[in-house]
């Protein structure tokens, strides 16, 4: 998610297409038109910003689906976007990690009030950092104060130099420990990818297995998410997929599809709009966590002023974001952005209505473009979830 603030892409216009499971006609209509038509027009609005590839899938009560695609999967070819294309899950995987931690808590194998020092002695130390004061809950909710200092590229040259670099978790944590905390644990909110690196390490210490194996057994298999895969240090995605692009500035757009994610344990998941819908519907529908743990996941705090630019009115729980709906109530989500793939999602509180929109370009050359792209995708999510009337908490 933090890469959303650093890197977004915009390139040329593409070919527009529509696929709708209910075979709705692809004709213009008013705001009150069918869910399929509204989804199509919202996908086109994102494409019109300069985003070359968009795919969106909305699911209503009873499992009825509407799918829209807009643009091209590869610049210069006119190849259409596939509605079943893979994309990098990026920070949406934080929801997967949080679910595993809360399942372990439900089993009595750890407590959310355990300190990092308890599970990882001596790891969070130096620069004023103290793992004895930071809890598992702080890590999950981004209230630890741990400063984020993950490697990343900001120019085309840096991308080509760094795209195959492999970073181990201990290295990523050590980078953060070279900085003073941003605030005392529990006294602020600051998005920290490093906090989730530490959670992966805690999961492995508690379970004796890598975190991605626990995710596979505890989340993917129970929900039948067979299109969600951990690719580790592989720089490529399964087929089919749209190429991903990043705009670094005027005249500097780069195909950034091929790269090793910085945190390959946590951020090396690829998925589809079908699976991401199933994930959030299953989670909010109570299929992954006991009621007490799901309630804890949904207890939120306000996000920082910086992130409010992207999530107006947003609040953060335990690996889960709450955002207001224009039709009343709120929805739950966790977007992800990395390597040109930007994905927003949402599900109503009862798990009955959901939507996922994945964009294969990131407009990261200015804050204005970042907020513009985020706003258009957020509008698509809001419209899809409000299609049935008042939102559900």
Protein backbone atom coordinates (compact mmCIF):
# COMPACT_ATOMS: atom_id res chain seq x y z
CA UNK A 1 0.00 0.00 0.00
CA UNK A 2 2.81 2.41 0.85
CA UNK A 3 4.07 2.00 -2.68
CA UNK A 4 0.78 3.55 -3.82
CA UNK A 5 2.09 6.84 -2.48
CA UNK A 6 5.41 6.40 -4.28
CA UNK A 7 4.65 4.77 -7.59
CA UNK A 8 1.71 4.96 -10.00
CA UNK A 9 1.58 4.74 -13.76
CA UNK A 10 -0.26 6.34 -16.69
CA UNK A 11 0.13 5.51 -20.38
CA UNK A 12 -1.87 5.42 -23.60
CA UNK A 13 -5.54 4.71 -24.13
CA UNK A 14 -6.66 1.22 -25.00
CA UNK A 15 -9.48 -0.82 -26.44
CA UNK A 16 -12.66 -1.03 -24.33
CA UNK A 17 -14.53 -4.27 -23.85
CA UNK A 18 -17.32 -5.56 -21.64
CA UNK A 19 -18.07 -8.99 -20.31
CA UNK A 20 -21.11 -9.46 -18.10
CA UNK A 21 -22.15 -12.75 -16.61
CA UNK A 22 -25.80 -11.76 -16.98
CA UNK A 23 -25.17 -10.66 -20.61
CA UNK A 24 -26.35 -7.10 -19.98
CA UNK A 25 -26.20 -4.82 -23.04
CA UNK A 26 -23.15 -2.53 -23.29
CA UNK A 27 -25.02 0.71 -23.84
CA UNK A 28 -24.77 4.03 -22.02
CA UNK A 29 -27.31 4.67 -19.32
CA UNK A 30 -28.12 6.86 -16.33
CA UNK A 31 -26.63 6.42 -12.86
CA UNK A 32 -29.61 4.28 -11.93
CA UNK A 33 -29.01 1.76 -14.73
CA UNK A 34 -28.16 -1.93 -14.29
CA UNK A 35 -25.22 -3.01 -12.10
CA UNK A 36 -23.42 -4.37 -15.18
CA UNK A 37 -23.77 -1.09 -17.07
CA UNK A 38 -22.67 0.95 -14.08
CA UNK A 39 -19.62 -1.27 -13.60
CA UNK A 40 -18.72 -0.92 -17.27
CA UNK A 41 -18.94 2.87 -17.21
CA UNK A 42 -16.90 3.09 -14.00
CA UNK A 43 -14.19 0.85 -15.51
CA UNK A 44 -14.13 3.07 -18.59
CA UNK A 45 -13.79 6.16 -16.39
CA UNK A 46 -10.64 4.70 -14.86
CA UNK A 47 -9.26 3.86 -18.30
CA UNK A 48 -9.99 7.41 -19.45
CA UNK A 49 -7.51 8.71 -16.86
CA UNK A 50 -4.71 7.02 -18.82
CA UNK A 51 -4.78 3.61 -17.14
CA UNK A 52 -4.32 1.15 -19.99
CA UNK A 53 -5.85 -1.95 -18.38
CA UNK A 54 -8.78 -2.37 -15.98
CA UNK A 55 -10.69 -5.45 -14.88
CA UNK A 56 -13.55 -5.39 -12.36
CA UNK A 57 -15.82 -8.06 -10.90
CA UNK A 58 -18.82 -7.40 -8.65
CA UNK A 59 -20.77 -10.11 -6.84
CA UNK A 60 -24.26 -9.63 -5.44
CA UNK A 61 -26.44 -11.60 -3.04
CA UNK A 62 -26.84 -15.18 -4.18
CA UNK A 63 -23.53 -15.07 -6.05
CA UNK A 64 -24.67 -13.28 -9.21
CA UNK A 65 -21.64 -11.74 -10.93
CA UNK A 66 -21.00 -8.77 -13.21
CA UNK A 67 -17.64 -8.40 -14.95
CA UNK A 68 -16.26 -5.46 -16.91
CA UNK A 69 -12.91 -4.95 -18.61
CA UNK A 70 -11.53 -1.83 -20.25
CA UNK A 71 -8.36 -1.04 -22.15
CA UNK A 72 -5.58 -3.27 -23.37
CA UNK A 73 -3.47 -5.93 -21.69
CA UNK A 74 -0.33 -4.84 -23.53
CA UNK A 75 0.46 -1.45 -24.98
CA UNK A 76 0.93 -1.35 -28.73
CA UNK A 77 -0.87 -4.64 -29.34
CA UNK A 78 -4.55 -3.94 -28.68
CA UNK A 79 -4.68 -7.28 -26.84
CA UNK A 80 -7.82 -7.10 -24.67
CA UNK A 81 -7.76 -7.32 -20.90
CA UNK A 82 -8.80 -10.74 -19.64
CA UNK A 83 -11.44 -10.86 -16.89
CA UNK A 84 -9.61 -13.85 -15.39
CA UNK A 85 -6.13 -12.31 -15.53
CA UNK A 86 -3.67 -12.70 -12.65
CA UNK A 87 -2.22 -9.68 -10.85
CA UNK A 88 0.03 -9.08 -7.87
CA UNK A 89 -1.97 -9.06 -4.66
CA UNK A 90 0.57 -6.76 -2.96
CA UNK A 91 -0.61 -5.40 0.40
CA UNK A 92 -4.01 -7.09 0.22
CA UNK A 93 -2.02 -10.08 1.51
CA UNK A 94 -1.88 -8.32 4.88
CA UNK A 95 -5.45 -9.52 5.36
CA UNK A 96 -4.24 -13.09 4.82
CA UNK A 97 -1.50 -12.65 7.44
CA UNK A 98 -3.93 -11.09 9.92
CA UNK A 99 -6.37 -13.99 9.52
CA UNK A 100 -3.63 -16.52 10.30
CA UNK A 101 -2.52 -14.58 13.40
CA UNK A 102 -6.11 -14.36 14.65
CA UNK A 103 -6.66 -18.07 14.06
CA UNK A 104 -3.54 -18.80 16.11
CA UNK A 105 -4.91 -16.51 18.82
CA UNK A 106 -8.25 -18.38 18.76
CA UNK A 107 -6.33 -21.63 19.25
CA UNK A 108 -4.54 -20.23 22.29
CA UNK A 109 -1.13 -20.41 20.65
CA UNK A 110 -0.43 -16.69 21.00
CA UNK A 111 -2.05 -13.57 22.42
CA UNK A 112 -2.58 -10.25 20.68
CA UNK A 113 -1.05 -8.69 23.79
CA UNK A 114 2.16 -10.72 23.47
CA UNK A 115 5.17 -8.52 22.83
CA UNK A 116 7.41 -8.82 19.81
CA UNK A 117 10.29 -9.44 22.22
CA UNK A 118 8.47 -12.48 23.59
CA UNK A 119 8.45 -14.20 20.20
CA UNK A 120 11.47 -12.60 18.52
CA UNK A 121 14.02 -11.86 21.26
CA UNK A 122 16.49 -9.15 20.33
CA UNK A 123 15.08 -8.57 16.84
CA UNK A 124 13.38 -5.20 17.45
CA UNK A 125 16.15 -3.29 19.15
CA UNK A 126 18.34 -0.27 18.42
CA UNK A 127 17.62 3.26 17.27
CA UNK A 128 15.23 3.71 20.17
CA UNK A 129 13.12 0.72 19.15
CA UNK A 130 12.00 -1.64 21.91
CA UNK A 131 10.29 -4.92 21.04
CA UNK A 132 9.29 -5.28 24.69
CA UNK A 133 6.82 -2.41 24.30
CA UNK A 134 5.31 -3.40 20.94
CA UNK A 135 2.50 -5.97 20.87
CA UNK A 136 1.22 -8.27 18.16
CA UNK A 137 -1.91 -6.09 18.08
CA UNK A 138 0.24 -3.01 17.40
CA UNK A 139 1.84 -4.75 14.42
CA UNK A 140 -1.51 -5.83 12.99
CA UNK A 141 -3.02 -2.34 13.35
CA UNK A 142 0.01 -0.26 12.27
CA UNK A 143 0.20 1.37 15.71
CA UNK A 144 3.71 0.06 16.49
CA UNK A 145 5.56 3.23 15.50
CA UNK A 146 8.15 1.17 13.60
CA UNK A 147 9.56 3.28 10.78
CA UNK A 148 9.26 1.79 7.29
CA UNK A 149 12.44 1.69 5.20
CA UNK A 150 11.89 -0.98 2.57
CA UNK A 151 14.02 -0.82 -0.58
CA UNK A 152 12.24 0.56 -3.61
CA UNK A 153 12.78 2.15 -6.99
CA UNK A 154 11.80 5.70 -7.93
CA UNK A 155 13.40 5.91 -11.40
CA UNK A 156 13.56 3.60 -14.43
CA UNK A 157 17.28 3.11 -13.80
CA UNK A 158 16.63 1.96 -10.23
CA UNK A 159 13.93 -0.44 -11.45
CA UNK A 160 16.31 -2.12 -13.91
CA UNK A 161 19.06 -2.28 -11.29
CA UNK A 162 16.90 -3.66 -8.47
CA UNK A 163 14.13 -5.72 -10.05
CA UNK A 164 15.77 -9.11 -9.38
CA UNK A 165 17.16 -8.29 -5.92
CA UNK A 166 16.15 -10.72 -3.16
CA UNK A 167 15.82 -9.36 0.38
CA UNK A 168 15.55 -11.57 3.46
CA UNK A 169 13.20 -10.60 6.31
CA UNK A 170 16.06 -10.00 8.73
CA UNK A 171 17.57 -7.46 6.33
CA UNK A 172 14.28 -5.59 5.99
CA UNK A 173 13.84 -5.42 9.77
CA UNK A 174 17.44 -4.28 10.25
CA UNK A 175 16.84 -1.36 7.88
CA UNK A 176 13.91 -0.22 10.02
CA UNK A 177 15.92 -0.56 13.23
CA UNK A 178 18.40 2.01 11.91
CA UNK A 179 15.65 4.63 12.37
CA UNK A 180 14.05 6.01 15.50
CA UNK A 181 10.38 5.06 15.93
CA UNK A 182 7.84 7.40 14.35
CA UNK A 183 5.87 7.47 17.63
CA UNK A 184 5.49 5.51 20.85
CA UNK A 185 3.63 2.20 20.46
CA UNK A 186 -0.12 2.74 20.58
CA UNK A 187 0.15 6.54 20.41
CA UNK A 188 -0.22 7.06 16.66
CA UNK A 189 -0.90 5.38 13.33
CA UNK A 190 1.63 4.83 10.58
CA UNK A 191 1.51 2.27 7.78
CA UNK A 192 4.42 -0.15 8.33
CA UNK A 193 5.21 -2.97 5.94
CA UNK A 194 8.02 -3.87 8.33
CA UNK A 195 5.41 -4.64 10.97
CA UNK A 196 3.98 -7.35 8.72
CA UNK A 197 7.46 -8.72 8.02
CA UNK A 198 7.69 -9.22 11.78
CA UNK A 199 4.25 -10.87 11.85
CA UNK A 200 5.41 -13.38 9.22
CA UNK A 201 8.41 -14.14 11.42
CA UNK A 202 6.15 -14.58 14.47
CA UNK A 203 3.83 -16.93 12.55
CA UNK A 204 6.83 -19.08 11.64
CA UNK A 205 8.10 -19.08 15.24
CA UNK A 206 4.67 -20.10 16.61
CA UNK A 207 3.74 -22.66 13.93
CA UNK A 208 7.15 -23.95 12.88
CA UNK A 209 6.22 -23.34 9.23
CA UNK A 210 6.68 -20.42 6.82
CA UNK A 211 3.79 -17.97 6.90
CA UNK A 212 2.78 -18.66 3.30
CA UNK A 213 2.26 -22.35 4.11
CA UNK A 214 -0.04 -21.41 6.97
CA UNK A 215 -1.98 -19.09 4.63
CA UNK A 216 -2.38 -21.87 2.09
CA UNK A 217 -3.74 -24.35 4.65
CA UNK A 218 -5.79 -21.96 6.77
CA UNK A 219 -7.24 -19.55 4.19
CA UNK A 220 -6.85 -20.64 0.57
CA UNK A 221 -7.90 -24.29 0.86
CA UNK A 222 -10.97 -23.70 3.10
CA UNK A 223 -12.30 -21.06 0.67
CA UNK A 224 -11.28 -22.89 -2.50
CA UNK A 225 -9.01 -20.06 -3.68
CA UNK A 226 -7.21 -22.10 -6.32
CA UNK A 227 -6.31 -19.03 -8.37
CA UNK A 228 -4.31 -17.46 -5.54
CA UNK A 229 -0.66 -18.51 -5.49
CA UNK A 230 2.55 -17.69 -3.64
CA UNK A 231 5.30 -17.28 -6.24
CA UNK A 232 8.18 -16.62 -3.84
CA UNK A 233 11.20 -15.06 -5.51
CA UNK A 234 9.96 -15.71 -9.05
CA UNK A 235 9.80 -12.40 -10.95
CA UNK A 236 7.02 -13.56 -13.31
CA UNK A 237 3.27 -14.12 -13.02
CA UNK A 238 1.15 -17.05 -14.19
CA UNK A 239 -0.70 -16.62 -17.47
CA UNK A 240 -2.96 -14.98 -18.42
CA UNK A 241 -2.07 -11.53 -17.12
CA UNK A 242 -1.96 -7.96 -18.33
CA UNK A 243 1.43 -6.26 -18.55
CA UNK A 244 2.02 -3.75 -15.73
CA UNK A 245 3.30 -0.22 -16.32
CA UNK A 246 4.67 2.59 -14.17
CA UNK A 247 4.95 6.27 -15.01
CA UNK A 248 7.99 7.86 -13.38
CA UNK A 249 7.51 11.24 -15.05
CA UNK A 250 6.92 12.81 -18.46
CA UNK A 251 8.21 10.50 -21.18
CA UNK A 252 9.29 7.88 -18.64
CA UNK A 253 6.81 5.02 -18.69
CA UNK A 254 8.21 1.57 -18.07
CA UNK A 255 6.92 -2.00 -18.28
CA UNK A 256 7.54 -3.17 -14.69
CA UNK A 257 5.77 -6.53 -14.91
CA UNK A 258 8.91 -8.54 -14.19
CA UNK A 259 10.33 -8.10 -10.69
CA UNK A 260 10.88 -9.84 -7.36
CA UNK A 261 8.69 -8.27 -4.64
CA UNK A 262 10.74 -6.57 -1.92
CA UNK A 263 9.14 -8.67 0.83
CA UNK A 264 8.88 -11.98 -1.01
CA UNK A 265 7.28 -13.82 1.93
CA UNK A 266 4.41 -11.38 2.37
CA UNK A 267 4.05 -9.69 -1.03
CA UNK A 268 4.62 -12.55 -3.49
CA UNK A 269 0.97 -13.54 -3.80
CA UNK A 270 -0.80 -13.39 -7.15
CA UNK A 271 -4.56 -13.72 -7.49
CA UNK A 272 -7.62 -12.94 -9.63
CA UNK A 273 -10.74 -10.84 -9.14
CA UNK A 274 -12.72 -14.04 -8.65
CA UNK A 275 -10.56 -15.23 -5.76
CA UNK A 276 -10.25 -11.83 -4.10
CA UNK A 277 -14.03 -11.51 -4.02
CA UNK A 278 -14.28 -14.98 -2.50
CA UNK A 279 -11.68 -14.09 0.12
CA UNK A 280 -13.49 -11.03 1.46
CA UNK A 281 -16.94 -12.59 1.23
CA UNK A 282 -15.72 -15.65 3.10
CA UNK A 283 -13.97 -13.57 5.76
CA UNK A 284 -16.85 -11.18 6.47
CA UNK A 285 -19.31 -14.05 6.12
CA UNK A 286 -17.69 -15.73 9.14
CA UNK A 287 -16.07 -18.68 7.35
CA UNK A 288 -12.49 -18.04 8.51
CA UNK A 289 -12.64 -16.70 12.08
CA UNK A 290 -14.71 -17.24 15.22
CA UNK A 291 -17.02 -14.34 16.08
CA UNK A 292 -14.71 -12.94 18.77
CA UNK A 293 -11.69 -12.79 16.49
CA UNK A 294 -13.69 -11.30 13.60
CA UNK A 295 -15.03 -8.64 15.96
CA UNK A 296 -11.47 -7.83 17.05
CA UNK A 297 -10.42 -7.54 13.42
CA UNK A 298 -13.20 -4.98 12.89
CA UNK A 299 -12.30 -2.74 15.85
CA UNK A 300 -10.69 0.25 14.14
CA UNK A 301 -8.64 3.38 14.72
CA UNK A 302 -8.34 6.44 12.42
CA UNK A 303 -5.61 6.31 9.78
CA UNK A 304 -3.04 9.08 9.37
CA UNK A 305 -3.79 12.39 7.65
CA UNK A 306 -1.58 11.33 4.71
CA UNK A 307 -3.53 8.15 4.11
CA UNK A 308 -6.83 10.01 4.57
CA UNK A 309 -6.05 11.53 1.16
CA UNK A 310 -6.54 8.05 -0.30
CA UNK A 311 -9.12 6.71 2.16
CA UNK A 312 -11.38 9.64 3.19
CA UNK A 313 -12.97 8.71 6.49
CA UNK A 314 -10.93 5.51 6.55
CA UNK A 315 -10.19 3.53 9.70
CA UNK A 316 -7.89 0.54 10.21
CA UNK A 317 -8.65 -2.62 12.15
CA UNK A 318 -6.43 -5.71 12.25
CA UNK A 319 -5.37 -6.15 8.62
CA UNK A 320 -8.70 -4.73 7.48
CA UNK A 321 -9.80 -1.24 6.42
CA UNK A 322 -13.22 0.31 7.07
CA UNK A 323 -14.45 3.00 4.69
CA UNK A 324 -17.79 4.86 4.51
CA UNK A 325 -20.36 4.21 1.78
CA UNK A 326 -22.21 7.04 0.05
CA UNK A 327 -25.48 5.14 0.56
CA UNK A 328 -24.94 4.83 4.31
CA UNK A 329 -23.01 2.46 6.51
CA UNK A 330 -19.52 1.29 5.60
CA UNK A 331 -17.58 -1.44 3.86
CA UNK A 332 -14.44 -3.47 4.51
CA UNK A 333 -11.40 -3.81 2.30
CA UNK A 334 -7.63 -3.86 1.97
CA UNK A 335 -6.22 -2.52 -1.26
CA UNK A 336 -2.83 -3.39 -2.69
CA UNK A 337 -0.39 -1.65 -4.98
CA UNK A 338 3.01 -2.72 -6.24
CA UNK A 339 4.88 -3.05 -9.50
CA UNK A 340 2.27 -1.28 -11.62
CA UNK A 341 -0.67 -3.38 -10.35
CA UNK A 342 -3.13 -1.37 -8.24
CA UNK A 343 -6.15 -3.16 -6.80
CA UNK A 344 -9.08 -1.89 -4.73
CA UNK A 345 -11.77 -4.08 -3.22
CA UNK A 346 -14.73 -3.93 -0.89
CA UNK A 347 -17.31 -6.09 0.83
CA UNK A 348 -20.37 -5.20 2.86
CA UNK A 349 -20.32 -6.14 6.52
CA UNK A 350 -22.61 -9.12 6.00
CA UNK A 351 -20.39 -10.53 3.25
CA UNK A 352 -23.26 -10.60 0.72
CA UNK A 353 -22.07 -7.95 -1.76
CA UNK A 354 -18.48 -7.46 -2.92
CA UNK A 355 -16.35 -5.99 -5.70
CA UNK A 356 -12.72 -6.01 -6.86
CA UNK A 357 -11.12 -3.70 -9.42
CA UNK A 358 -7.56 -4.31 -10.61
CA UNK A 359 -5.62 -1.79 -12.68
CA UNK A 360 -2.44 -2.71 -14.54
CA UNK A 361 -0.98 0.78 -14.62
CA UNK A 362 0.02 3.10 -11.81
CA UNK A 363 -0.09 6.87 -12.23
CA UNK A 364 2.69 7.63 -9.78
CA UNK A 365 4.30 10.71 -11.26
CA UNK A 366 2.36 13.18 -9.08
CA UNK A 367 0.22 13.21 -5.95
CA UNK A 368 -2.60 14.64 -8.05
CA UNK A 369 -2.56 11.61 -10.33
CA UNK A 370 -2.32 9.20 -7.40
CA UNK A 371 -5.38 10.71 -5.72
CA UNK A 372 -7.27 10.93 -9.05
CA UNK A 373 -6.75 7.23 -9.81
CA UNK A 374 -7.59 6.24 -6.26
CA UNK A 375 -10.76 8.32 -6.37
CA UNK A 376 -12.00 6.79 -9.63
CA UNK A 377 -11.41 3.25 -8.37
CA UNK A 378 -13.02 4.06 -5.01
CA UNK A 379 -16.08 5.38 -6.86
CA UNK A 380 -16.38 2.08 -8.74
CA UNK A 381 -16.28 0.18 -5.43
CA UNK A 382 -18.84 2.49 -3.82
CA UNK A 383 -21.26 2.27 -6.75
CA UNK A 384 -21.07 -1.53 -6.87
CA UNK A 385 -21.67 -1.94 -3.14
CA UNK A 386 -24.47 0.63 -3.07
CA UNK A 387 -26.30 -0.99 -6.00
CA UNK A 388 -28.61 -2.77 -3.58
CA UNK A 389 -29.39 0.26 -1.43
CA UNK A 390 -28.10 1.16 2.02
CA UNK A 391 -24.70 -0.30 2.90
CA UNK A 392 -24.33 -2.92 5.58
CA UNK A 393 -21.80 -2.72 8.39
